[in-house]
Amino acid sequence: MIFPARTPSLKPLFIAALGLLIGPVMLSPAQAATFSVCHGYDCYYRTRVILTKKDEQRIRSLLAKASRSAAAERKAIRSAVAIFEQRSTLAIGVRDEPRMRFGKGRIKGQMDCIDESTNTDAFLRYLHSRQWLKYHAPARKAARGSFFDGRYPHWTAVIEENGAGRWAVDSWYEPGGGPPDIMALEEWKRRGYGGQR
């Protein structure tokens, strides 16, 4: 019987497992980003999505050109999230419809606000880890609505502008690949009555 000279490291397995739980796995800046994208409602399915070098170059270029102001960076974040969603749609093989359709749970490619906010949050954290955001950092996801107030519960990803407040990054209203709504978090929290964005 031949034994290996040393026991193989469990570190790669641990990193891969961690990536399935939290989204992107970045081992070094030179490697492409891999995401575990949620779909099927409530993250019922997960699909591995890898951003291509071309995707990363487009995203980095968008954000670099937007470095003149926080407002310009938010506009670039909208475009970057759309690129990420387009890549996700290709990997999943099905384009997500806008909003959530009741009764469409467990259908591959369709996303509720939990799927959308989880995926967008993971992508924003990836942008931050690459140090491509100058004016914003990802913050804890937020929710609005509780049935009791006449609104259906709804989640969003959030970014925090350096010393100036938090912004909702809500990708639920558009079909897969569409740009997310970005608005002041307090404004977003007041909305949602009667299907209002």
N, C-alpha and C. Protein backbone atom coordinates (compact mmCIF):
# COMPACT_ATOMS: atom_id res chain seq x y z
N MET A 1 0.84 -1.17 0.00
CA MET A 1 0.00 0.00 0.00
C MET A 1 0.89 1.23 0.00
N ILE A 2 0.55 2.19 -0.84
CA ILE A 2 1.32 3.42 -0.93
C ILE A 2 0.52 4.53 -0.26
N PHE A 3 1.18 5.26 0.59
CA PHE A 3 0.55 6.39 1.28
C PHE A 3 1.11 7.68 0.71
N PRO A 4 0.29 8.71 0.63
CA PRO A 4 0.83 9.98 0.14
C PRO A 4 1.85 10.53 1.13
N ALA A 5 2.79 11.30 0.61
CA ALA A 5 3.83 11.87 1.46
C ALA A 5 3.25 12.78 2.53
N ARG A 6 2.14 13.43 2.22
CA ARG A 6 1.49 14.26 3.23
C ARG A 6 -0.02 14.23 3.00
N THR A 7 -0.73 14.52 4.01
CA THR A 7 -2.18 14.53 3.92
C THR A 7 -2.63 15.74 3.11
N PRO A 8 -3.55 15.54 2.14
CA PRO A 8 -4.01 16.69 1.37
C PRO A 8 -4.74 17.69 2.26
N SER A 9 -4.61 18.94 1.92
CA SER A 9 -5.24 20.01 2.69
C SER A 9 -6.75 20.02 2.49
N LEU A 10 -7.46 20.28 3.55
CA LEU A 10 -8.91 20.42 3.46
C LEU A 10 -9.32 21.86 3.18
N LYS A 11 -8.34 22.75 3.11
CA LYS A 11 -8.63 24.17 2.92
C LYS A 11 -9.44 24.44 1.64
N PRO A 12 -9.08 23.85 0.46
CA PRO A 12 -9.89 24.12 -0.73
C PRO A 12 -11.35 23.68 -0.57
N LEU A 13 -11.57 22.55 0.10
CA LEU A 13 -12.94 22.09 0.33
C LEU A 13 -13.69 23.04 1.25
N PHE A 14 -13.01 23.51 2.28
CA PHE A 14 -13.62 24.45 3.21
C PHE A 14 -14.00 25.74 2.49
N ILE A 15 -13.11 26.26 1.66
CA ILE A 15 -13.37 27.50 0.94
C ILE A 15 -14.54 27.32 -0.02
N ALA A 16 -14.58 26.18 -0.72
CA ALA A 16 -15.69 25.92 -1.64
C ALA A 16 -17.01 25.82 -0.89
N ALA A 17 -17.02 25.13 0.25
CA ALA A 17 -18.24 25.01 1.05
C ALA A 17 -18.69 26.37 1.57
N LEU A 18 -17.75 27.17 2.00
CA LEU A 18 -18.07 28.51 2.48
C LEU A 18 -18.69 29.34 1.36
N GLY A 19 -18.19 29.18 0.15
CA GLY A 19 -18.73 29.90 -0.98
C GLY A 19 -20.18 29.54 -1.27
N LEU A 20 -20.54 28.27 -1.09
CA LEU A 20 -21.93 27.88 -1.28
C LEU A 20 -22.84 28.53 -0.27
N LEU A 21 -22.32 28.81 0.91
CA LEU A 21 -23.13 29.42 1.96
C LEU A 21 -23.25 30.93 1.82
N ILE A 22 -22.17 31.60 1.42
CA ILE A 22 -22.19 33.06 1.45
C ILE A 22 -22.14 33.72 0.08
N GLY A 23 -21.98 32.98 -0.98
CA GLY A 23 -21.99 33.60 -2.30
C GLY A 23 -20.65 33.53 -2.97
N PRO A 24 -19.99 34.66 -3.20
CA PRO A 24 -18.78 34.64 -3.99
C PRO A 24 -17.61 34.02 -3.26
N VAL A 25 -16.76 33.38 -4.04
CA VAL A 25 -15.53 32.83 -3.49
C VAL A 25 -14.39 33.47 -4.25
N MET A 26 -13.58 34.26 -3.57
CA MET A 26 -12.44 34.89 -4.21
C MET A 26 -11.18 34.42 -3.51
N LEU A 27 -10.36 33.65 -4.22
CA LEU A 27 -9.14 33.15 -3.62
C LEU A 27 -8.00 34.14 -3.76
N SER A 28 -7.99 34.87 -4.86
CA SER A 28 -7.01 35.92 -5.05
C SER A 28 -7.53 36.85 -6.14
N PRO A 29 -7.04 38.09 -6.19
CA PRO A 29 -7.52 39.02 -7.21
C PRO A 29 -7.29 38.54 -8.63
N ALA A 30 -6.34 37.63 -8.85
CA ALA A 30 -6.04 37.18 -10.20
C ALA A 30 -7.04 36.15 -10.71
N GLN A 31 -7.81 35.53 -9.83
CA GLN A 31 -8.75 34.50 -10.24
C GLN A 31 -10.12 35.10 -10.52
N ALA A 32 -10.86 34.44 -11.44
CA ALA A 32 -12.22 34.89 -11.74
C ALA A 32 -13.11 34.64 -10.54
N ALA A 33 -14.11 35.48 -10.38
CA ALA A 33 -15.05 35.36 -9.26
C ALA A 33 -16.08 34.29 -9.56
N THR A 34 -16.34 33.45 -8.58
CA THR A 34 -17.36 32.42 -8.68
C THR A 34 -18.43 32.71 -7.66
N PHE A 35 -19.68 32.66 -8.10
CA PHE A 35 -20.82 32.94 -7.23
C PHE A 35 -21.74 31.73 -7.19
N SER A 36 -22.44 31.58 -6.11
CA SER A 36 -23.49 30.59 -5.98
C SER A 36 -24.80 31.38 -6.01
N VAL A 37 -25.45 31.41 -7.16
CA VAL A 37 -26.61 32.27 -7.38
C VAL A 37 -27.90 31.55 -6.99
N CYS A 38 -28.70 32.23 -6.17
CA CYS A 38 -29.98 31.70 -5.70
C CYS A 38 -31.07 31.91 -6.75
N HIS A 39 -31.97 30.92 -6.85
CA HIS A 39 -33.19 31.07 -7.65
C HIS A 39 -34.18 30.00 -7.21
N GLY A 40 -35.39 30.05 -7.74
CA GLY A 40 -36.43 29.09 -7.37
C GLY A 40 -37.23 29.50 -6.14
N TYR A 41 -36.99 30.71 -5.64
CA TYR A 41 -37.63 31.29 -4.46
C TYR A 41 -37.00 30.75 -3.18
N ASP A 42 -36.64 31.67 -2.32
CA ASP A 42 -36.05 31.36 -1.02
C ASP A 42 -34.76 30.53 -1.15
N CYS A 43 -34.01 30.80 -2.23
CA CYS A 43 -32.73 30.10 -2.51
C CYS A 43 -32.92 28.58 -2.60
N TYR A 44 -34.04 28.15 -3.17
CA TYR A 44 -34.31 26.71 -3.29
C TYR A 44 -33.26 26.04 -4.18
N TYR A 45 -32.88 26.71 -5.27
CA TYR A 45 -31.82 26.22 -6.16
C TYR A 45 -30.62 27.16 -6.06
N ARG A 46 -29.45 26.62 -6.34
CA ARG A 46 -28.24 27.43 -6.44
C ARG A 46 -27.49 26.98 -7.69
N THR A 47 -27.04 27.95 -8.47
CA THR A 47 -26.30 27.67 -9.69
C THR A 47 -24.97 28.39 -9.63
N ARG A 48 -23.93 27.70 -10.03
CA ARG A 48 -22.58 28.28 -10.05
C ARG A 48 -22.46 29.23 -11.23
N VAL A 49 -22.05 30.45 -10.93
CA VAL A 49 -21.88 31.48 -11.96
C VAL A 49 -20.46 32.02 -11.85
N ILE A 50 -19.77 32.05 -12.98
CA ILE A 50 -18.40 32.57 -13.02
C ILE A 50 -18.40 33.80 -13.92
N LEU A 51 -17.94 34.92 -13.38
CA LEU A 51 -17.77 36.10 -14.21
C LEU A 51 -16.56 35.90 -15.11
N THR A 52 -16.72 36.20 -16.39
CA THR A 52 -15.60 36.08 -17.31
C THR A 52 -14.65 37.26 -17.10
N LYS A 53 -13.45 37.14 -17.62
CA LYS A 53 -12.49 38.25 -17.54
C LYS A 53 -13.07 39.49 -18.24
N LYS A 54 -13.78 39.26 -19.35
CA LYS A 54 -14.40 40.38 -20.07
C LYS A 54 -15.46 41.06 -19.19
N ASP A 55 -16.27 40.26 -18.49
CA ASP A 55 -17.26 40.83 -17.56
C ASP A 55 -16.56 41.69 -16.51
N GLU A 56 -15.52 41.12 -15.91
CA GLU A 56 -14.80 41.85 -14.86
C GLU A 56 -14.19 43.15 -15.39
N GLN A 57 -13.64 43.11 -16.59
CA GLN A 57 -13.05 44.32 -17.18
C GLN A 57 -14.12 45.39 -17.42
N ARG A 58 -15.29 44.97 -17.93
CA ARG A 58 -16.40 45.92 -18.15
C ARG A 58 -16.83 46.55 -16.84
N ILE A 59 -16.98 45.71 -15.81
CA ILE A 59 -17.44 46.20 -14.50
C ILE A 59 -16.41 47.15 -13.89
N ARG A 60 -15.16 46.75 -13.91
CA ARG A 60 -14.09 47.59 -13.35
C ARG A 60 -14.02 48.92 -14.09
N SER A 61 -14.14 48.89 -15.41
CA SER A 61 -14.10 50.11 -16.22
C SER A 61 -15.28 51.03 -15.89
N LEU A 62 -16.47 50.47 -15.77
CA LEU A 62 -17.66 51.26 -15.40
C LEU A 62 -17.44 52.00 -14.09
N LEU A 63 -16.95 51.27 -13.09
CA LEU A 63 -16.77 51.86 -11.77
C LEU A 63 -15.61 52.85 -11.73
N ALA A 64 -14.56 52.59 -12.49
CA ALA A 64 -13.43 53.53 -12.55
C ALA A 64 -13.86 54.85 -13.17
N LYS A 65 -14.68 54.79 -14.22
CA LYS A 65 -15.16 56.01 -14.88
C LYS A 65 -16.13 56.79 -13.99
N ALA A 66 -16.69 56.12 -12.99
CA ALA A 66 -17.68 56.76 -12.11
C ALA A 66 -17.07 57.28 -10.83
N SER A 67 -15.76 57.38 -10.77
CA SER A 67 -15.10 57.72 -9.51
C SER A 67 -15.18 59.20 -9.15
N ARG A 68 -15.87 60.01 -9.95
CA ARG A 68 -15.94 61.45 -9.68
C ARG A 68 -16.95 61.82 -8.60
N SER A 69 -17.97 60.95 -8.36
CA SER A 69 -18.96 61.28 -7.33
C SER A 69 -19.71 60.03 -6.87
N ALA A 70 -20.33 60.12 -5.71
CA ALA A 70 -21.12 59.01 -5.18
C ALA A 70 -22.32 58.72 -6.09
N ALA A 71 -22.96 59.77 -6.61
CA ALA A 71 -24.11 59.58 -7.51
C ALA A 71 -23.69 58.84 -8.78
N ALA A 72 -22.53 59.20 -9.33
CA ALA A 72 -22.03 58.52 -10.53
C ALA A 72 -21.72 57.06 -10.21
N GLU A 73 -21.18 56.81 -9.02
CA GLU A 73 -20.87 55.43 -8.64
C GLU A 73 -22.16 54.61 -8.51
N ARG A 74 -23.22 55.18 -7.95
CA ARG A 74 -24.48 54.45 -7.84
C ARG A 74 -25.03 54.10 -9.22
N LYS A 75 -24.91 55.02 -10.15
CA LYS A 75 -25.36 54.76 -11.53
C LYS A 75 -24.54 53.61 -12.13
N ALA A 76 -23.24 53.61 -11.89
CA ALA A 76 -22.38 52.53 -12.39
C ALA A 76 -22.72 51.20 -11.71
N ILE A 77 -23.06 51.24 -10.43
CA ILE A 77 -23.46 50.01 -9.72
C ILE A 77 -24.70 49.42 -10.39
N ARG A 78 -25.66 50.26 -10.80
CA ARG A 78 -26.85 49.76 -11.51
C ARG A 78 -26.43 48.96 -12.75
N SER A 79 -25.52 49.53 -13.53
CA SER A 79 -25.06 48.86 -14.75
C SER A 79 -24.29 47.59 -14.43
N ALA A 80 -23.47 47.64 -13.39
CA ALA A 80 -22.67 46.47 -13.00
C ALA A 80 -23.57 45.32 -12.54
N VAL A 81 -24.60 45.62 -11.76
CA VAL A 81 -25.53 44.58 -11.32
C VAL A 81 -26.23 43.97 -12.53
N ALA A 82 -26.59 44.78 -13.52
CA ALA A 82 -27.22 44.27 -14.74
C ALA A 82 -26.28 43.29 -15.47
N ILE A 83 -25.00 43.61 -15.55
CA ILE A 83 -24.03 42.71 -16.18
C ILE A 83 -23.97 41.39 -15.41
N PHE A 84 -23.91 41.47 -14.09
CA PHE A 84 -23.89 40.27 -13.25
C PHE A 84 -25.16 39.44 -13.48
N GLU A 85 -26.31 40.08 -13.55
CA GLU A 85 -27.56 39.34 -13.76
C GLU A 85 -27.61 38.72 -15.16
N GLN A 86 -27.06 39.40 -16.16
CA GLN A 86 -27.03 38.83 -17.51
C GLN A 86 -26.18 37.56 -17.52
N ARG A 87 -25.04 37.59 -16.84
CA ARG A 87 -24.18 36.41 -16.75
C ARG A 87 -24.91 35.29 -16.00
N SER A 88 -25.62 35.64 -14.93
CA SER A 88 -26.37 34.66 -14.14
C SER A 88 -27.46 34.01 -14.99
N THR A 89 -28.16 34.82 -15.78
CA THR A 89 -29.22 34.30 -16.65
C THR A 89 -28.65 33.29 -17.64
N LEU A 90 -27.49 33.58 -18.20
CA LEU A 90 -26.85 32.63 -19.13
C LEU A 90 -26.50 31.33 -18.43
N ALA A 91 -25.99 31.41 -17.21
CA ALA A 91 -25.59 30.20 -16.47
C ALA A 91 -26.80 29.36 -16.07
N ILE A 92 -27.86 30.02 -15.63
CA ILE A 92 -29.06 29.30 -15.20
C ILE A 92 -29.81 28.75 -16.41
N GLY A 93 -29.81 29.50 -17.51
CA GLY A 93 -30.48 29.06 -18.73
C GLY A 93 -31.92 29.52 -18.84
N VAL A 94 -32.39 30.29 -17.88
CA VAL A 94 -33.77 30.80 -17.88
C VAL A 94 -33.73 32.25 -17.42
N ARG A 95 -34.46 33.12 -18.11
CA ARG A 95 -34.50 34.53 -17.70
C ARG A 95 -35.59 34.72 -16.65
N ASP A 96 -35.21 35.33 -15.56
CA ASP A 96 -36.13 35.64 -14.48
C ASP A 96 -37.16 36.66 -14.96
N GLU A 97 -38.42 36.43 -14.63
CA GLU A 97 -39.48 37.39 -14.95
C GLU A 97 -39.43 38.53 -13.94
N PRO A 98 -39.98 39.70 -14.31
CA PRO A 98 -39.99 40.79 -13.32
C PRO A 98 -40.90 40.44 -12.15
N ARG A 99 -40.54 40.97 -11.00
CA ARG A 99 -41.29 40.75 -9.76
C ARG A 99 -41.41 39.26 -9.46
N MET A 100 -42.26 38.94 -8.53
CA MET A 100 -42.47 37.55 -8.14
C MET A 100 -43.86 37.15 -8.59
N ARG A 101 -43.99 35.98 -9.12
CA ARG A 101 -45.29 35.45 -9.50
C ARG A 101 -45.69 34.39 -8.48
N PHE A 102 -46.80 34.63 -7.80
CA PHE A 102 -47.26 33.64 -6.83
C PHE A 102 -47.52 32.33 -7.55
N GLY A 103 -47.15 31.24 -6.92
CA GLY A 103 -47.31 29.93 -7.53
C GLY A 103 -46.17 29.53 -8.43
N LYS A 104 -45.14 30.37 -8.55
CA LYS A 104 -43.99 30.05 -9.40
C LYS A 104 -42.79 29.57 -8.59
N GLY A 105 -43.00 29.29 -7.31
CA GLY A 105 -41.92 28.79 -6.49
C GLY A 105 -41.42 27.45 -7.00
N ARG A 106 -40.16 27.18 -6.77
CA ARG A 106 -39.49 25.95 -7.17
C ARG A 106 -39.36 25.82 -8.69
N ILE A 107 -39.45 26.94 -9.40
CA ILE A 107 -39.23 26.95 -10.84
C ILE A 107 -37.85 27.54 -11.08
N LYS A 108 -37.00 26.77 -11.74
CA LYS A 108 -35.62 27.22 -11.97
C LYS A 108 -35.60 28.54 -12.74
N GLY A 109 -34.74 29.41 -12.27
CA GLY A 109 -34.56 30.70 -12.93
C GLY A 109 -35.43 31.81 -12.40
N GLN A 110 -36.54 31.47 -11.75
CA GLN A 110 -37.43 32.52 -11.22
C GLN A 110 -36.97 32.90 -9.82
N MET A 111 -37.04 34.20 -9.52
CA MET A 111 -36.48 34.69 -8.26
C MET A 111 -37.48 35.55 -7.50
N ASP A 112 -37.55 35.31 -6.20
CA ASP A 112 -38.29 36.20 -5.32
C ASP A 112 -37.32 37.22 -4.75
N CYS A 113 -37.80 38.08 -3.86
CA CYS A 113 -36.93 39.14 -3.33
C CYS A 113 -35.81 38.58 -2.45
N ILE A 114 -36.02 37.40 -1.88
CA ILE A 114 -34.95 36.79 -1.08
C ILE A 114 -33.80 36.37 -1.99
N ASP A 115 -34.14 35.70 -3.11
CA ASP A 115 -33.11 35.33 -4.09
C ASP A 115 -32.39 36.58 -4.61
N GLU A 116 -33.17 37.55 -5.06
CA GLU A 116 -32.60 38.76 -5.67
C GLU A 116 -31.71 39.52 -4.69
N SER A 117 -32.19 39.73 -3.47
CA SER A 117 -31.39 40.51 -2.51
C SER A 117 -30.14 39.75 -2.09
N THR A 118 -30.23 38.43 -1.99
CA THR A 118 -29.06 37.62 -1.63
C THR A 118 -28.00 37.69 -2.73
N ASN A 119 -28.43 37.55 -3.99
CA ASN A 119 -27.50 37.60 -5.11
C ASN A 119 -26.87 38.98 -5.26
N THR A 120 -27.68 40.02 -5.16
CA THR A 120 -27.16 41.39 -5.29
C THR A 120 -26.21 41.71 -4.15
N ASP A 121 -26.55 41.30 -2.93
CA ASP A 121 -25.67 41.52 -1.78
C ASP A 121 -24.32 40.84 -2.00
N ALA A 122 -24.33 39.59 -2.47
CA ALA A 122 -23.07 38.88 -2.72
C ALA A 122 -22.24 39.61 -3.77
N PHE A 123 -22.90 40.11 -4.81
CA PHE A 123 -22.19 40.83 -5.87
C PHE A 123 -21.60 42.14 -5.35
N LEU A 124 -22.36 42.88 -4.54
CA LEU A 124 -21.85 44.13 -3.96
C LEU A 124 -20.64 43.86 -3.07
N ARG A 125 -20.68 42.77 -2.33
CA ARG A 125 -19.55 42.40 -1.47
C ARG A 125 -18.32 42.04 -2.32
N TYR A 126 -18.56 41.42 -3.46
CA TYR A 126 -17.47 41.13 -4.40
C TYR A 126 -16.84 42.44 -4.89
N LEU A 127 -17.67 43.40 -5.31
CA LEU A 127 -17.14 44.69 -5.77
C LEU A 127 -16.30 45.35 -4.68
N HIS A 128 -16.79 45.31 -3.46
CA HIS A 128 -16.08 45.90 -2.33
C HIS A 128 -14.76 45.18 -2.07
N SER A 129 -14.78 43.84 -2.17
CA SER A 129 -13.55 43.06 -1.92
C SER A 129 -12.48 43.36 -2.96
N ARG A 130 -12.89 43.71 -4.17
CA ARG A 130 -11.94 44.07 -5.22
C ARG A 130 -11.47 45.52 -5.10
N GLN A 131 -12.04 46.24 -4.15
CA GLN A 131 -11.72 47.66 -3.92
C GLN A 131 -12.08 48.52 -5.14
N TRP A 132 -13.19 48.18 -5.79
CA TRP A 132 -13.66 48.92 -6.95
C TRP A 132 -14.69 49.98 -6.56
N LEU A 133 -15.13 49.98 -5.31
CA LEU A 133 -16.08 50.99 -4.84
C LEU A 133 -15.33 52.05 -4.05
N LYS A 134 -15.49 53.30 -4.45
CA LYS A 134 -14.79 54.41 -3.79
C LYS A 134 -15.67 55.08 -2.74
N TYR A 135 -16.96 55.18 -3.01
CA TYR A 135 -17.87 55.95 -2.16
C TYR A 135 -18.84 55.10 -1.33
N HIS A 136 -18.92 53.81 -1.61
CA HIS A 136 -19.92 52.97 -0.96
C HIS A 136 -19.32 51.66 -0.46
N ALA A 137 -20.02 51.07 0.51
CA ALA A 137 -19.68 49.74 1.01
C ALA A 137 -20.99 48.98 1.20
N PRO A 138 -20.96 47.66 1.03
CA PRO A 138 -22.19 46.89 1.28
C PRO A 138 -22.58 46.96 2.75
N ALA A 139 -23.87 47.00 2.99
CA ALA A 139 -24.40 47.02 4.35
C ALA A 139 -25.38 45.85 4.49
N ARG A 140 -25.87 45.68 5.68
CA ARG A 140 -26.82 44.59 5.96
C ARG A 140 -28.10 44.78 5.13
N LYS A 141 -28.64 43.66 4.61
CA LYS A 141 -29.88 43.73 3.85
C LYS A 141 -31.00 44.31 4.71
N ALA A 142 -32.01 44.87 4.05
CA ALA A 142 -33.12 45.49 4.78
C ALA A 142 -34.45 44.94 4.26
N ALA A 143 -35.49 45.09 5.09
CA ALA A 143 -36.83 44.63 4.73
C ALA A 143 -37.85 45.71 5.00
N ARG A 144 -38.98 45.60 4.31
CA ARG A 144 -40.13 46.47 4.56
C ARG A 144 -41.39 45.61 4.46
N GLY A 145 -42.48 46.11 5.00
CA GLY A 145 -43.75 45.41 4.91
C GLY A 145 -43.87 44.29 5.93
N SER A 146 -45.12 44.08 6.39
CA SER A 146 -45.33 43.04 7.41
C SER A 146 -46.73 42.44 7.35
N PHE A 147 -47.45 42.59 6.26
CA PHE A 147 -48.86 42.20 6.13
C PHE A 147 -49.74 43.11 6.97
N PHE A 148 -49.37 43.35 8.23
CA PHE A 148 -50.19 44.18 9.12
C PHE A 148 -50.27 45.62 8.64
N ASP A 149 -49.25 46.06 7.92
CA ASP A 149 -49.27 47.44 7.42
C ASP A 149 -49.78 47.53 5.98
N GLY A 150 -50.35 46.44 5.47
CA GLY A 150 -50.91 46.44 4.13
C GLY A 150 -49.90 46.18 3.02
N ARG A 151 -48.70 45.78 3.39
CA ARG A 151 -47.67 45.50 2.39
C ARG A 151 -47.14 44.08 2.56
N TYR A 152 -46.81 43.48 1.44
CA TYR A 152 -46.19 42.17 1.47
C TYR A 152 -44.73 42.35 1.91
N PRO A 153 -44.19 41.47 2.76
CA PRO A 153 -42.77 41.60 3.16
C PRO A 153 -41.85 41.57 1.93
N HIS A 154 -40.86 42.44 1.94
CA HIS A 154 -39.97 42.57 0.78
C HIS A 154 -38.56 42.92 1.26
N TRP A 155 -37.55 42.28 0.64
CA TRP A 155 -36.14 42.46 1.02
C TRP A 155 -35.36 43.15 -0.09
N THR A 156 -34.29 43.83 0.31
CA THR A 156 -33.38 44.47 -0.65
C THR A 156 -31.94 44.40 -0.15
N ALA A 157 -31.02 44.43 -1.10
CA ALA A 157 -29.60 44.64 -0.76
C ALA A 157 -29.43 46.12 -0.44
N VAL A 158 -28.37 46.45 0.31
CA VAL A 158 -28.15 47.83 0.75
C VAL A 158 -26.67 48.19 0.61
N ILE A 159 -26.44 49.43 0.18
CA ILE A 159 -25.08 50.00 0.21
C ILE A 159 -25.10 51.21 1.12
N GLU A 160 -23.97 51.47 1.74
CA GLU A 160 -23.84 52.64 2.61
C GLU A 160 -22.84 53.60 1.99
N GLU A 161 -23.29 54.82 1.76
CA GLU A 161 -22.40 55.85 1.24
C GLU A 161 -21.52 56.35 2.38
N ASN A 162 -20.26 56.53 2.12
CA ASN A 162 -19.31 56.95 3.16
C ASN A 162 -19.83 58.19 3.90
N GLY A 163 -20.25 58.00 5.13
CA GLY A 163 -20.69 59.09 5.98
C GLY A 163 -21.94 59.83 5.53
N ALA A 164 -22.73 59.24 4.62
CA ALA A 164 -23.86 60.02 4.09
C ALA A 164 -25.17 59.25 3.97
N GLY A 165 -25.29 58.09 4.55
CA GLY A 165 -26.57 57.39 4.50
C GLY A 165 -26.53 56.10 3.70
N ARG A 166 -27.67 55.39 3.76
CA ARG A 166 -27.76 54.08 3.12
C ARG A 166 -28.74 54.12 1.94
N TRP A 167 -28.48 53.24 0.97
CA TRP A 167 -29.24 53.18 -0.27
C TRP A 167 -29.71 51.75 -0.53
N ALA A 168 -30.98 51.60 -0.90
CA ALA A 168 -31.51 50.29 -1.32
C ALA A 168 -31.03 50.01 -2.74
N VAL A 169 -30.66 48.76 -2.99
CA VAL A 169 -30.30 48.30 -4.33
C VAL A 169 -31.23 47.12 -4.60
N ASP A 170 -32.39 47.43 -5.20
CA ASP A 170 -33.50 46.47 -5.32
C ASP A 170 -33.63 45.98 -6.75
N SER A 171 -33.20 44.75 -7.00
CA SER A 171 -33.20 44.18 -8.35
C SER A 171 -34.43 43.33 -8.64
N TRP A 172 -35.42 43.35 -7.78
CA TRP A 172 -36.58 42.48 -7.89
C TRP A 172 -37.57 42.92 -8.97
N TYR A 173 -37.69 44.20 -9.23
CA TYR A 173 -38.75 44.70 -10.10
C TYR A 173 -38.52 44.48 -11.59
N GLU A 174 -37.29 44.32 -11.99
CA GLU A 174 -36.96 44.15 -13.41
C GLU A 174 -36.72 42.68 -13.73
N PRO A 175 -36.88 42.29 -15.01
CA PRO A 175 -36.52 40.92 -15.37
C PRO A 175 -35.02 40.71 -15.23
N GLY A 176 -34.58 39.47 -15.25
CA GLY A 176 -33.16 39.15 -15.14
C GLY A 176 -32.34 39.95 -16.13
N GLY A 177 -31.29 40.62 -15.66
CA GLY A 177 -30.44 41.43 -16.53
C GLY A 177 -30.84 42.89 -16.56
N GLY A 178 -31.96 43.22 -15.93
CA GLY A 178 -32.38 44.62 -15.87
C GLY A 178 -31.67 45.34 -14.73
N PRO A 179 -31.51 46.66 -14.84
CA PRO A 179 -30.83 47.40 -13.76
C PRO A 179 -31.71 47.50 -12.52
N PRO A 180 -31.12 47.45 -11.35
CA PRO A 180 -31.90 47.55 -10.11
C PRO A 180 -32.33 48.99 -9.83
N ASP A 181 -33.35 49.12 -9.00
CA ASP A 181 -33.71 50.43 -8.48
C ASP A 181 -32.71 50.76 -7.38
N ILE A 182 -32.17 51.97 -7.39
CA ILE A 182 -31.33 52.44 -6.29
C ILE A 182 -31.94 53.73 -5.78
N MET A 183 -32.31 53.73 -4.51
CA MET A 183 -32.90 54.92 -3.89
C MET A 183 -32.53 54.95 -2.42
N ALA A 184 -32.68 56.12 -1.82
CA ALA A 184 -32.40 56.25 -0.39
C ALA A 184 -33.20 55.20 0.37
N LEU A 185 -32.56 54.52 1.30
CA LEU A 185 -33.20 53.41 2.00
C LEU A 185 -34.47 53.86 2.72
N GLU A 186 -34.47 55.03 3.32
CA GLU A 186 -35.67 55.52 4.03
C GLU A 186 -36.83 55.72 3.06
N GLU A 187 -36.54 56.20 1.86
CA GLU A 187 -37.60 56.34 0.84
C GLU A 187 -38.11 54.96 0.45
N TRP A 188 -37.20 54.02 0.20
CA TRP A 188 -37.58 52.65 -0.17
C TRP A 188 -38.48 52.03 0.90
N LYS A 189 -38.15 52.26 2.17
CA LYS A 189 -38.93 51.68 3.26
C LYS A 189 -40.35 52.24 3.32
N ARG A 190 -40.57 53.47 2.85
CA ARG A 190 -41.91 54.07 2.86
C ARG A 190 -42.77 53.56 1.71
N ARG A 191 -42.17 52.96 0.71
CA ARG A 191 -42.90 52.52 -0.48
C ARG A 191 -43.43 51.10 -0.33
N GLY A 192 -44.02 50.60 -1.43
CA GLY A 192 -44.47 49.21 -1.46
C GLY A 192 -45.96 49.03 -1.31
N TYR A 193 -46.72 50.11 -1.21
CA TYR A 193 -48.18 50.00 -1.13
C TYR A 193 -48.76 49.89 -2.53
N GLY A 194 -49.69 48.96 -2.72
CA GLY A 194 -50.36 48.83 -4.01
C GLY A 194 -49.43 48.54 -5.17
N GLY A 195 -48.35 47.82 -4.92
CA GLY A 195 -47.41 47.46 -5.98
C GLY A 195 -46.41 48.54 -6.34
N GLN A 196 -46.40 49.65 -5.57
CA GLN A 196 -45.45 50.74 -5.82
C GLN A 196 -44.03 50.25 -5.64
N ARG A 197 -43.15 50.67 -6.54
CA ARG A 197 -41.74 50.29 -6.45
C ARG A 197 -41.10 50.90 -5.24
